Every structure is written in structure tokens, then in C-alpha cells.
PDB file of all heavy atoms in Angstrom:
ATOM      1  N   GLY A   1     119.414 150.805  50.508  1.00  0.00           N
ATOM      2  CA  GLY A   1     118.985 149.410  50.416  1.00  0.00           C
ATOM      3  C   GLY A   1     117.575 149.304  49.879  1.00  0.00           C
ATOM      4  O   GLY A   1     116.848 150.288  49.766  1.00  0.00           O
ATOM      5  N   GLY A   2     117.165 148.075  49.538  1.00  0.00           N
ATOM      6  CA  GLY A   2     115.780 147.833  49.162  1.00  0.00           C
ATOM      7  C   GLY A   2     115.607 147.146  47.826  1.00  0.00           C
ATOM      8  O   GLY A   2     116.507 146.483  47.304  1.00  0.00           O
ATOM      9  N   VAL A   3     114.420 147.314  47.261  1.00  0.00           N
ATOM     10  CA  VAL A   3     113.957 146.547  46.107  1.00  0.00           C
ATOM     11  C   VAL A   3     114.711 146.923  44.829  1.00  0.00           C
ATOM     12  O   VAL A   3     114.792 148.093  44.465  1.00  0.00           O
ATOM     13  CB  VAL A   3     112.451 146.785  45.876  1.00  0.00           C
ATOM     14  CG1 VAL A   3     111.983 146.044  44.630  1.00  0.00           C
ATOM     15  CG2 VAL A   3     111.643 146.350  47.080  1.00  0.00           C
ATOM     16  N   VAL A   4     115.244 145.907  44.155  1.00  0.00           N
ATOM     17  CA  VAL A   4     115.852 146.078  42.831  1.00  0.00           C
ATOM     18  C   VAL A   4     115.308 145.001  41.899  1.00  0.00           C
ATOM     19  O   VAL A   4     115.313 143.814  42.250  1.00  0.00           O
ATOM     20  CB  VAL A   4     117.389 145.986  42.889  1.00  0.00           C
ATOM     21  CG1 VAL A   4     117.983 146.006  41.485  1.00  0.00           C
ATOM     22  CG2 VAL A   4     117.978 147.132  43.708  1.00  0.00           C
ATOM     23  N   VAL A   5     114.854 145.418  40.717  1.00  0.00           N
ATOM     24  CA  VAL A   5     114.337 144.496  39.707  1.00  0.00           C
ATOM     25  C   VAL A   5     115.418 144.242  38.670  1.00  0.00           C
ATOM     26  O   VAL A   5     116.007 145.181  38.129  1.00  0.00           O
ATOM     27  CB  VAL A   5     113.096 145.081  39.012  1.00  0.00           C
ATOM     28  CG1 VAL A   5     112.549 144.083  37.979  1.00  0.00           C
ATOM     29  CG2 VAL A   5     112.022 145.449  40.023  1.00  0.00           C
ATOM     30  N   LEU A   6     115.695 142.981  38.391  1.00  0.00           N
ATOM     31  CA  LEU A   6     116.669 142.588  37.375  1.00  0.00           C
ATOM     32  C   LEU A   6     115.995 141.674  36.363  1.00  0.00           C
ATOM     33  O   LEU A   6     115.071 140.923  36.711  1.00  0.00           O
ATOM     34  CB  LEU A   6     117.856 141.880  38.018  1.00  0.00           C
ATOM     35  CG  LEU A   6     118.662 142.723  39.017  1.00  0.00           C
ATOM     36  CD1 LEU A   6     119.454 141.815  39.948  1.00  0.00           C
ATOM     37  CD2 LEU A   6     119.576 143.685  38.301  1.00  0.00           C
ATOM     38  N   ALA A   7     116.460 141.737  35.132  1.00  0.00           N
ATOM     39  CA  ALA A   7     115.880 140.917  34.071  1.00  0.00           C
ATOM     40  C   ALA A   7     116.698 139.651  33.866  1.00  0.00           C
ATOM     41  O   ALA A   7     117.926 139.678  33.889  1.00  0.00           O
ATOM     42  CB  ALA A   7     115.819 141.708  32.774  1.00  0.00           C
ATOM     43  N   LYS A   8     116.006 138.529  33.653  1.00  0.00           N
ATOM     44  CA  LYS A   8     116.664 137.263  33.366  1.00  0.00           C
ATOM     45  C   LYS A   8     116.684 136.946  31.875  1.00  0.00           C
ATOM     46  O   LYS A   8     117.338 135.987  31.456  1.00  0.00           O
ATOM     47  CB  LYS A   8     115.966 136.129  34.130  1.00  0.00           C
ATOM     48  CG  LYS A   8     116.114 136.228  35.647  1.00  0.00           C
ATOM     49  CD  LYS A   8     115.241 135.221  36.379  1.00  0.00           C
ATOM     50  CE  LYS A   8     115.577 133.786  36.054  1.00  0.00           C
ATOM     51  NZ  LYS A   8     114.740 132.833  36.820  1.00  0.00           N
ATOM     52  N   THR A   9     115.952 137.747  31.075  1.00  0.00           N
ATOM     53  CA  THR A   9     115.936 137.556  29.625  1.00  0.00           C
ATOM     54  C   THR A   9     116.067 138.915  28.945  1.00  0.00           C
ATOM     55  O   THR A   9     115.699 139.947  29.507  1.00  0.00           O
ATOM     56  CB  THR A   9     114.627 136.891  29.140  1.00  0.00           C
ATOM     57  OG1 THR A   9     113.517 137.766  29.434  1.00  0.00           O
ATOM     58  CG2 THR A   9     114.405 135.547  29.820  1.00  0.00           C
ATOM     59  N   SER A  10     116.586 138.902  27.719  1.00  0.00           N
ATOM     60  CA  SER A  10     116.739 140.156  26.974  1.00  0.00           C
ATOM     61  C   SER A  10     115.377 140.762  26.637  1.00  0.00           C
ATOM     62  O   SER A  10     115.231 141.991  26.592  1.00  0.00           O
ATOM     63  CB  SER A  10     117.552 139.916  25.701  1.00  0.00           C
ATOM     64  OG  SER A  10     116.953 138.916  24.899  1.00  0.00           O
ATOM     65  N   LYS A  11     114.378 139.915  26.406  1.00  0.00           N
ATOM     66  CA  LYS A  11     113.029 140.417  26.133  1.00  0.00           C
ATOM     67  C   LYS A  11     112.505 141.215  27.333  1.00  0.00           C
ATOM     68  O   LYS A  11     111.991 142.335  27.183  1.00  0.00           O
ATOM     69  CB  LYS A  11     112.069 139.266  25.835  1.00  0.00           C
ATOM     70  CG  LYS A  11     110.612 139.709  25.633  1.00  0.00           C
ATOM     71  CD  LYS A  11     109.633 138.548  25.688  1.00  0.00           C
ATOM     72  CE  LYS A  11     109.748 137.671  24.484  1.00  0.00           C
ATOM     73  NZ  LYS A  11     108.638 136.655  24.434  1.00  0.00           N
ATOM     74  N   ALA A  12     112.661 140.652  28.523  1.00  0.00           N
ATOM     75  CA  ALA A  12     112.188 141.342  29.724  1.00  0.00           C
ATOM     76  C   ALA A  12     112.961 142.631  29.948  1.00  0.00           C
ATOM     77  O   ALA A  12     112.383 143.650  30.341  1.00  0.00           O
ATOM     78  CB  ALA A  12     112.320 140.426  30.937  1.00  0.00           C
ATOM     79  N   LEU A  13     114.271 142.618  29.702  1.00  0.00           N
ATOM     80  CA  LEU A  13     115.075 143.813  29.917  1.00  0.00           C
ATOM     81  C   LEU A  13     114.633 144.948  28.997  1.00  0.00           C
ATOM     82  O   LEU A  13     114.468 146.091  29.448  1.00  0.00           O
ATOM     83  CB  LEU A  13     116.557 143.508  29.686  1.00  0.00           C
ATOM     84  CG  LEU A  13     117.496 144.698  29.851  1.00  0.00           C
ATOM     85  CD1 LEU A  13     117.435 145.246  31.268  1.00  0.00           C
ATOM     86  CD2 LEU A  13     118.930 144.305  29.488  1.00  0.00           C
ATOM     87  N   ALA A  14     114.450 144.662  27.722  1.00  0.00           N
ATOM     88  CA  ALA A  14     114.036 145.702  26.777  1.00  0.00           C
ATOM     89  C   ALA A  14     112.698 146.305  27.184  1.00  0.00           C
ATOM     90  O   ALA A  14     112.514 147.533  27.145  1.00  0.00           O
ATOM     91  CB  ALA A  14     113.956 145.120  25.364  1.00  0.00           C
ATOM     92  N   ARG A  15     111.773 145.456  27.615  1.00  0.00           N
ATOM     93  CA  ARG A  15     110.447 145.958  27.996  1.00  0.00           C
ATOM     94  C   ARG A  15     110.506 146.715  29.323  1.00  0.00           C
ATOM     95  O   ARG A  15     109.820 147.729  29.490  1.00  0.00           O
ATOM     96  CB  ARG A  15     109.456 144.802  28.056  1.00  0.00           C
ATOM     97  CG  ARG A  15     109.196 144.189  26.686  1.00  0.00           C
ATOM     98  CD  ARG A  15     108.198 143.048  26.737  1.00  0.00           C
ATOM     99  NE  ARG A  15     108.026 142.460  25.410  1.00  0.00           N
ATOM    100  CZ  ARG A  15     107.203 141.441  25.149  1.00  0.00           C
ATOM    101  NH1 ARG A  15     106.484 140.894  26.123  1.00  0.00           N
ATOM    102  NH2 ARG A  15     107.101 140.973  23.922  1.00  0.00           N
ATOM    103  N   LEU A  16     111.303 146.228  30.272  1.00  0.00           N
ATOM    104  CA  LEU A  16     111.455 146.948  31.535  1.00  0.00           C
ATOM    105  C   LEU A  16     112.082 148.322  31.315  1.00  0.00           C
ATOM    106  O   LEU A  16     111.657 149.321  31.914  1.00  0.00           O
ATOM    107  CB  LEU A  16     112.308 146.140  32.511  1.00  0.00           C
ATOM    108  CG  LEU A  16     111.636 144.998  33.257  1.00  0.00           C
ATOM    109  CD1 LEU A  16     112.687 144.166  33.991  1.00  0.00           C
ATOM    110  CD2 LEU A  16     110.592 145.516  34.248  1.00  0.00           C
ATOM    111  N   ASN A  17     113.097 148.376  30.464  1.00  0.00           N
ATOM    112  CA  ASN A  17     113.728 149.660  30.165  1.00  0.00           C
ATOM    113  C   ASN A  17     112.705 150.667  29.653  1.00  0.00           C
ATOM    114  O   ASN A  17     112.697 151.833  30.063  1.00  0.00           O
ATOM    115  CB  ASN A  17     114.846 149.487  29.132  1.00  0.00           C
ATOM    116  CG  ASN A  17     116.101 148.893  29.731  1.00  0.00           C
ATOM    117  OD1 ASN A  17     116.341 148.980  30.932  1.00  0.00           O
ATOM    118  ND2 ASN A  17     116.927 148.279  28.894  1.00  0.00           N
ATOM    119  N   GLU A  18     111.845 150.219  28.770  1.00  0.00           N
ATOM    120  CA  GLU A  18     110.817 151.104  28.226  1.00  0.00           C
ATOM    121  C   GLU A  18     109.803 151.492  29.297  1.00  0.00           C
ATOM    122  O   GLU A  18     109.347 152.642  29.351  1.00  0.00           O
ATOM    123  CB  GLU A  18     110.127 150.420  27.040  1.00  0.00           C
ATOM    124  CG  GLU A  18     109.028 151.244  26.385  1.00  0.00           C
ATOM    125  CD  GLU A  18     109.536 152.541  25.758  1.00  0.00           C
ATOM    126  OE1 GLU A  18     110.752 152.687  25.553  1.00  0.00           O
ATOM    127  OE2 GLU A  18     108.687 153.419  25.479  1.00  0.00           O
ATOM    128  N   MET A  19     109.437 150.558  30.165  1.00  0.00           N
ATOM    129  CA  MET A  19     108.484 150.849  31.233  1.00  0.00           C
ATOM    130  C   MET A  19     109.038 151.882  32.206  1.00  0.00           C
ATOM    131  O   MET A  19     108.333 152.803  32.628  1.00  0.00           O
ATOM    132  CB  MET A  19     108.116 149.562  31.965  1.00  0.00           C
ATOM    133  CG  MET A  19     107.268 148.601  31.143  1.00  0.00           C
ATOM    134  SD  MET A  19     107.200 146.923  31.848  1.00  0.00           S
ATOM    135  CE  MET A  19     106.380 147.254  33.409  1.00  0.00           C
ATOM    136  N   PHE A  20     110.307 151.735  32.577  1.00  0.00           N
ATOM    137  CA  PHE A  20     110.919 152.737  33.454  1.00  0.00           C
ATOM    138  C   PHE A  20     110.981 154.093  32.758  1.00  0.00           C
ATOM    139  O   PHE A  20     110.740 155.130  33.381  1.00  0.00           O
ATOM    140  CB  PHE A  20     112.318 152.288  33.884  1.00  0.00           C
ATOM    141  CG  PHE A  20     112.331 151.378  35.080  1.00  0.00           C
ATOM    142  CD1 PHE A  20     112.434 150.004  34.927  1.00  0.00           C
ATOM    143  CD2 PHE A  20     112.229 151.898  36.363  1.00  0.00           C
ATOM    144  CE1 PHE A  20     112.445 149.163  36.034  1.00  0.00           C
ATOM    145  CE2 PHE A  20     112.243 151.063  37.475  1.00  0.00           C
ATOM    146  CZ  PHE A  20     112.350 149.696  37.317  1.00  0.00           C
ATOM    147  N   ARG A  21     111.292 154.096  31.467  1.00  0.00           N
ATOM    148  CA  ARG A  21     111.380 155.355  30.722  1.00  0.00           C
ATOM    149  C   ARG A  21     110.028 156.062  30.684  1.00  0.00           C
ATOM    150  O   ARG A  21     109.956 157.294  30.834  1.00  0.00           O
ATOM    151  CB  ARG A  21     111.884 155.090  29.303  1.00  0.00           C
ATOM    152  CG  ARG A  21     112.211 156.357  28.523  1.00  0.00           C
ATOM    153  CD  ARG A  21     112.470 156.064  27.058  1.00  0.00           C
ATOM    154  NE  ARG A  21     111.272 155.589  26.379  1.00  0.00           N
ATOM    155  CZ  ARG A  21     110.282 156.388  25.964  1.00  0.00           C
ATOM    156  NH1 ARG A  21     110.356 157.693  26.162  1.00  0.00           N
ATOM    157  NH2 ARG A  21     109.236 155.879  25.345  1.00  0.00           N
ATOM    158  N   ARG A  22     108.953 155.286  30.523  1.00  0.00           N
ATOM    159  CA  ARG A  22     107.619 155.875  30.444  1.00  0.00           C
ATOM    160  C   ARG A  22     107.036 156.223  31.810  1.00  0.00           C
ATOM    161  O   ARG A  22     106.004 156.878  31.891  1.00  0.00           O
ATOM    162  CB  ARG A  22     106.655 154.912  29.738  1.00  0.00           C
ATOM    163  CG  ARG A  22     106.921 154.680  28.266  1.00  0.00           C
ATOM    164  CD  ARG A  22     105.698 154.045  27.611  1.00  0.00           C
ATOM    165  NE  ARG A  22     105.231 152.886  28.355  1.00  0.00           N
ATOM    166  CZ  ARG A  22     105.454 151.615  28.007  1.00  0.00           C
ATOM    167  NH1 ARG A  22     106.175 151.352  26.929  1.00  0.00           N
ATOM    168  NH2 ARG A  22     104.980 150.621  28.717  1.00  0.00           N
ATOM    169  N   GLY A  23     107.646 155.750  32.881  1.00  0.00           N
ATOM    170  CA  GLY A  23     107.084 155.978  34.210  1.00  0.00           C
ATOM    171  C   GLY A  23     106.000 154.989  34.581  1.00  0.00           C
ATOM    172  O   GLY A  23     105.151 155.283  35.438  1.00  0.00           O
ATOM    173  N   ASP A  24     106.029 153.809  33.970  1.00  0.00           N
ATOM    174  CA  ASP A  24     105.009 152.791  34.257  1.00  0.00           C
ATOM    175  C   ASP A  24     105.361 151.920  35.456  1.00  0.00           C
ATOM    176  O   ASP A  24     104.591 151.022  35.811  1.00  0.00           O
ATOM    177  CB  ASP A  24     104.804 151.887  33.030  1.00  0.00           C
ATOM    178  CG  ASP A  24     104.187 152.633  31.856  1.00  0.00           C
ATOM    179  OD1 ASP A  24     103.563 153.682  32.090  1.00  0.00           O
ATOM    180  OD2 ASP A  24     104.353 152.169  30.709  1.00  0.00           O
ATOM    181  N   VAL A  25     106.522 152.139  36.048  1.00  0.00           N
ATOM    182  CA  VAL A  25     106.936 151.406  37.241  1.00  0.00           C
ATOM    183  C   VAL A  25     106.813 152.358  38.431  1.00  0.00           C
ATOM    184  O   VAL A  25     107.383 153.452  38.417  1.00  0.00           O
ATOM    185  CB  VAL A  25     108.378 150.891  37.115  1.00  0.00           C
ATOM    186  CG1 VAL A  25     108.781 150.130  38.368  1.00  0.00           C
ATOM    187  CG2 VAL A  25     108.526 150.001  35.877  1.00  0.00           C
ATOM    188  N   HIS A  26     106.046 151.957  39.432  1.00  0.00           N
ATOM    189  CA  HIS A  26     105.731 152.840  40.550  1.00  0.00           C
ATOM    190  C   HIS A  26     106.541 152.418  41.777  1.00  0.00           C
ATOM    191  O   HIS A  26     106.448 151.267  42.224  1.00  0.00           O
ATOM    192  CB  HIS A  26     104.231 152.803  40.846  1.00  0.00           C
ATOM    193  CG  HIS A  26     103.403 153.115  39.637  1.00  0.00           C
ATOM    194  ND1 HIS A  26     103.265 154.396  39.140  1.00  0.00           N
ATOM    195  CD2 HIS A  26     102.694 152.298  38.803  1.00  0.00           C
ATOM    196  CE1 HIS A  26     102.499 154.366  38.066  1.00  0.00           C
ATOM    197  NE2 HIS A  26     102.142 153.117  37.838  1.00  0.00           N
ATOM    198  N   LYS A  27     107.321 153.357  42.294  1.00  0.00           N
ATOM    199  CA  LYS A  27     108.222 153.064  43.413  1.00  0.00           C
ATOM    200  C   LYS A  27     107.883 153.945  44.609  1.00  0.00           C
ATOM    201  O   LYS A  27     107.599 155.131  44.448  1.00  0.00           O
ATOM    202  CB  LYS A  27     109.675 153.305  42.991  1.00  0.00           C
ATOM    203  CG  LYS A  27     110.163 152.383  41.887  1.00  0.00           C
ATOM    204  CD  LYS A  27     111.580 152.713  41.471  1.00  0.00           C
ATOM    205  CE  LYS A  27     111.622 153.957  40.607  1.00  0.00           C
ATOM    206  NZ  LYS A  27     112.991 154.239  40.124  1.00  0.00           N
ATOM    207  N   ARG A  28     107.927 153.338  45.787  1.00  0.00           N
ATOM    208  CA  ARG A  28     107.795 154.091  47.034  1.00  0.00           C
ATOM    209  C   ARG A  28     109.020 153.824  47.898  1.00  0.00           C
ATOM    210  O   ARG A  28     109.516 152.698  47.956  1.00  0.00           O
ATOM    211  CB  ARG A  28     106.521 153.690  47.788  1.00  0.00           C
ATOM    212  CG  ARG A  28     105.246 154.121  47.092  1.00  0.00           C
ATOM    213  CD  ARG A  28     104.024 153.828  47.943  1.00  0.00           C
ATOM    214  NE  ARG A  28     102.803 154.084  47.219  1.00  0.00           N
ATOM    215  CZ  ARG A  28     102.199 155.269  47.142  1.00  0.00           C
ATOM    216  NH1 ARG A  28     102.732 156.303  47.785  1.00  0.00           N
ATOM    217  NH2 ARG A  28     101.091 155.424  46.461  1.00  0.00           N
ATOM    218  N   TYR A  29     109.472 154.857  48.546  1.00  0.00           N
ATOM    219  CA  TYR A  29     110.635 154.786  49.418  1.00  0.00           C
ATOM    220  C   TYR A  29     110.236 155.181  50.834  1.00  0.00           C
ATOM    221  O   TYR A  29     109.301 155.953  51.034  1.00  0.00           O
ATOM    222  CB  TYR A  29     111.733 155.745  48.937  1.00  0.00           C
ATOM    223  CG  TYR A  29     112.352 155.394  47.614  1.00  0.00           C
ATOM    224  CD1 TYR A  29     111.680 155.616  46.417  1.00  0.00           C
ATOM    225  CD2 TYR A  29     113.630 154.851  47.547  1.00  0.00           C
ATOM    226  CE1 TYR A  29     112.253 155.304  45.190  1.00  0.00           C
ATOM    227  CE2 TYR A  29     114.214 154.536  46.322  1.00  0.00           C
ATOM    228  CZ  TYR A  29     113.512 154.770  45.154  1.00  0.00           C
ATOM    229  OH  TYR A  29     114.083 154.456  43.940  1.00  0.00           O
ATOM    230  N   TRP A  30     110.969 154.654  51.809  1.00  0.00           N
ATOM    231  CA  TRP A  30     110.874 155.132  53.185  1.00  0.00           C
ATOM    232  C   TRP A  30     112.191 155.810  53.525  1.00  0.00           C
ATOM    233  O   TRP A  30     113.272 155.287  53.216  1.00  0.00           O
ATOM    234  CB  TRP A  30     110.610 153.979  54.150  1.00  0.00           C
ATOM    235  CG  TRP A  30     109.160 153.571  54.205  1.00  0.00           C
ATOM    236  CD1 TRP A  30     108.153 153.948  53.359  1.00  0.00           C
ATOM    237  CD2 TRP A  30     108.559 152.693  55.157  1.00  0.00           C
ATOM    238  NE1 TRP A  30     106.969 153.362  53.722  1.00  0.00           N
ATOM    239  CE2 TRP A  30     107.186 152.589  54.827  1.00  0.00           C
ATOM    240  CE3 TRP A  30     109.050 151.990  56.257  1.00  0.00           C
ATOM    241  CZ2 TRP A  30     106.305 151.811  55.558  1.00  0.00           C
ATOM    242  CZ3 TRP A  30     108.171 151.213  56.987  1.00  0.00           C
ATOM    243  CH2 TRP A  30     106.814 151.124  56.644  1.00  0.00           C
ATOM    244  N   ALA A  31     112.088 156.972  54.160  1.00  0.00           N
ATOM    245  CA  ALA A  31     113.279 157.735  54.529  1.00  0.00           C
ATOM    246  C   ALA A  31     113.152 158.213  55.971  1.00  0.00           C
ATOM    247  O   ALA A  31     112.123 158.778  56.350  1.00  0.00           O
ATOM    248  CB  ALA A  31     113.455 158.936  53.604  1.00  0.00           C
ATOM    249  N   ILE A  32     114.182 157.970  56.763  1.00  0.00           N
ATOM    250  CA  ILE A  32     114.261 158.542  58.103  1.00  0.00           C
ATOM    251  C   ILE A  32     115.008 159.862  57.978  1.00  0.00           C
ATOM    252  O   ILE A  32     116.163 159.887  57.536  1.00  0.00           O
ATOM    253  CB  ILE A  32     114.987 157.608  59.077  1.00  0.00           C
ATOM    254  CG1 ILE A  32     114.221 156.292  59.236  1.00  0.00           C
ATOM    255  CG2 ILE A  32     115.160 158.280  60.443  1.00  0.00           C
ATOM    256  CD1 ILE A  32     114.929 155.273  60.126  1.00  0.00           C
ATOM    257  N   THR A  33     114.353 160.956  58.344  1.00  0.00           N
ATOM    258  CA  THR A  33     114.954 162.271  58.199  1.00  0.00           C
ATOM    259  C   THR A  33     115.178 162.929  59.549  1.00  0.00           C
ATOM    260  O   THR A  33     114.411 162.742  60.491  1.00  0.00           O
ATOM    261  CB  THR A  33     114.080 163.202  57.340  1.00  0.00           C
ATOM    262  OG1 THR A  33     112.839 163.472  58.012  1.00  0.00           O
ATOM    263  CG2 THR A  33     113.786 162.579  55.987  1.00  0.00           C
ATOM    264  N   ARG A  34     116.246 163.696  59.606  1.00  0.00           N
ATOM    265  CA  ARG A  34     116.510 164.530  60.774  1.00  0.00           C
ATOM    266  C   ARG A  34     115.921 165.905  60.451  1.00  0.00           C
ATOM    267  O   ARG A  34     116.364 166.584  59.545  1.00  0.00           O
ATOM    268  CB  ARG A  34     118.013 164.645  61.027  1.00  0.00           C
ATOM    269  CG  ARG A  34     118.377 165.299  62.365  1.00  0.00           C
ATOM    270  CD  ARG A  34     119.871 165.579  62.433  1.00  0.00           C
ATOM    271  NE  ARG A  34     120.686 164.395  62.200  1.00  0.00           N
ATOM    272  CZ  ARG A  34     121.054 163.545  63.162  1.00  0.00           C
ATOM    273  NH1 ARG A  34     120.671 163.738  64.403  1.00  0.00           N
ATOM    274  NH2 ARG A  34     121.807 162.500  62.877  1.00  0.00           N
ATOM    275  N   GLY A  35     114.927 166.327  61.208  1.00  0.00           N
ATOM    276  CA  GLY A  35     114.249 167.569  60.886  1.00  0.00           C
ATOM    277  C   GLY A  35     112.794 167.307  60.548  1.00  0.00           C
ATOM    278  O   GLY A  35     112.399 166.191  60.222  1.00  0.00           O
ATOM    279  N   VAL A  36     112.002 168.355  60.617  1.00  0.00           N
ATOM    280  CA  VAL A  36     110.562 168.263  60.402  1.00  0.00           C
ATOM    281  C   VAL A  36     110.207 168.952  59.092  1.00  0.00           C
ATOM    282  O   VAL A  36     110.566 170.120  58.894  1.00  0.00           O
ATOM    283  CB  VAL A  36     109.789 168.926  61.567  1.00  0.00           C
ATOM    284  CG1 VAL A  36     108.286 168.806  61.360  1.00  0.00           C
ATOM    285  CG2 VAL A  36     110.203 168.323  62.900  1.00  0.00           C
ATOM    286  N   PRO A  37     109.532 168.273  58.183  1.00  0.00           N
ATOM    287  CA  PRO A  37     109.153 168.928  56.936  1.00  0.00           C
ATOM    288  C   PRO A  37     108.170 170.072  57.191  1.00  0.00           C
ATOM    289  O   PRO A  37     107.460 170.075  58.203  1.00  0.00           O
ATOM    290  CB  PRO A  37     108.498 167.797  56.121  1.00  0.00           C
ATOM    291  CG  PRO A  37     108.100 166.765  57.110  1.00  0.00           C
ATOM    292  CD  PRO A  37     109.083 166.866  58.244  1.00  0.00           C
ATOM    293  N   PRO A  38     108.120 171.058  56.289  1.00  0.00           N
ATOM    294  CA  PRO A  38     107.242 172.213  56.506  1.00  0.00           C
ATOM    295  C   PRO A  38     105.765 171.849  56.623  1.00  0.00           C
ATOM    296  O   PRO A  38     105.008 172.534  57.297  1.00  0.00           O
ATOM    297  CB  PRO A  38     107.516 173.097  55.286  1.00  0.00           C
ATOM    298  CG  PRO A  38     108.179 172.205  54.286  1.00  0.00           C
ATOM    299  CD  PRO A  38     108.910 171.175  55.061  1.00  0.00           C
ATOM    300  N   GLN A  39     105.363 170.772  55.960  1.00  0.00           N
ATOM    301  CA  GLN A  39     104.000 170.248  56.051  1.00  0.00           C
ATOM    302  C   GLN A  39     104.091 168.735  56.272  1.00  0.00           C
ATOM    303  O   GLN A  39     105.044 168.103  55.816  1.00  0.00           O
ATOM    304  CB  GLN A  39     103.205 170.524  54.777  1.00  0.00           C
ATOM    305  CG  GLN A  39     103.104 171.999  54.401  1.00  0.00           C
ATOM    306  CD  GLN A  39     102.283 172.796  55.395  1.00  0.00           C
ATOM    307  OE1 GLN A  39     101.397 172.244  56.058  1.00  0.00           O
ATOM    308  NE2 GLN A  39     102.564 174.089  55.510  1.00  0.00           N
TER     309      GLN A  39
END
């Protein structure tokens, strides 16, 4: 679950696609894990 970005115009979609490809969109996730990470 969580945040999803959708485009309402073709102009926005083309630019968003390029931004995701370049890594210009920054995403953070929260995860509940069973187990303790090494650090």
C-alpha cells in the first residue's frame, strides 16, 4: 500500500516517466520486518 503518482495529462506523464528513469523522484518506504538487521 501507499503513495502512487498518476498523470492527468500526457505532458505530465512523459515528464514523469523521464524523471523516474533518471532517478529524480525520491521514495521512502516503511517496512515491518521479522528479524533484526545486522546493523
